[in-house]
Amino acid sequence: MFFTSVDDVSARLAGAGYLPSPAVATTVFLADRLGKPLLVEGPAGVGKTELAKAVAEVADVRLIRLQCYEGVDESRALYEWNHAKQLLRISAGRDESWEETRTDVFGEEFLLPRPLLTAIRGDDPKVLLIDETDKADVEVEGLLLEVLSDFQITVPELGTIRATRRPFVVLTSNAGRELSEALRRRCLFLHIGFPEEELERRIVRLKVPEIDAVLAESVVRVVRALRAMDLRKAPSVAETVDWARTLLALGAGTLDETVVRDSLGVVLKHQDDVLKAAAKLDLDAV
């Protein structure tokens, strides 16, 4: 186990530059104590991936990441065979029977482990990040069920490989599609939304220590006003931090209409959102 208490989670993650809410700290502690995978959902840019990275950092363990995308398959997620090396071995053993060669070429030496297999092999503690799970095809969830249920993977040529030490597993999802109930049942669930105003101010001050308190407060309030608009993509926490850094780079001591208009592209990523914000944002009311 990585953590001794909820307070230990909060303190150590904060020391690594990740400020967790009480709900985040509690769920991370329970996932660690119960040995359950942690499914983290929420909009992009709120710190889902960074949470897994922070846990690996404070626990001083290896982070293994499976980045999901449309078309990711078994060979990218579990393992594949080194076909070039197998062909060389077959060519070198032309005088052997196929049975002799087959036993050799489907051995450990020719196996290329991918993230899921890498995560359950070995005795060293690890954090396994399965990032943006909702972007993978539905069939990929079937590959995850055996790993997340029994922490084992079956390689037909070698048999079943079981974990001697379970990794700390974090799955992230932007809720682009609904994940299966079978997958959800195997996980503890955590939703990370946009933080409360006070927590977001603390995050900005932590990530951008050069910014003064008044400007940090102004940045957070304007971002929260932008999130209240009907935008295609609301600004994330990462974009709040980027905006704070941008204002420092511009030498801006305050947020006025000119500075906001000229730098809205840092926090808003669609032209229609920029136009809508420019027309509706009232700095005096923020």
Foldseek 3Di string as FASTA:
>chain_A
DQADDLVRQQVQLVVVLDHDDSQVSVQLVCCVVVVFAEEEEEAPFACQVVVLVSSCVSSVAAEFEAEAAEPDDCCQAFKDFQVVVLVVQCVVPVVDDPVVSVLPRPDPVGIGGHRLNVQQDDDTEYEYEYEAVVRYDLVVVVVVLCCLPQVWDQDPSPGIDHHPDHYHYYYYHHCPDDHDPSSVVRHHYHYRYADDLVVLLVSLCSLPVVADSVASSLLSVQLVVLQVDPAPDRFHSVLSNVVRVVCVVVVHNHDDLVSCLVPVCSGDPDPVSSVVCNVPPDSVVD
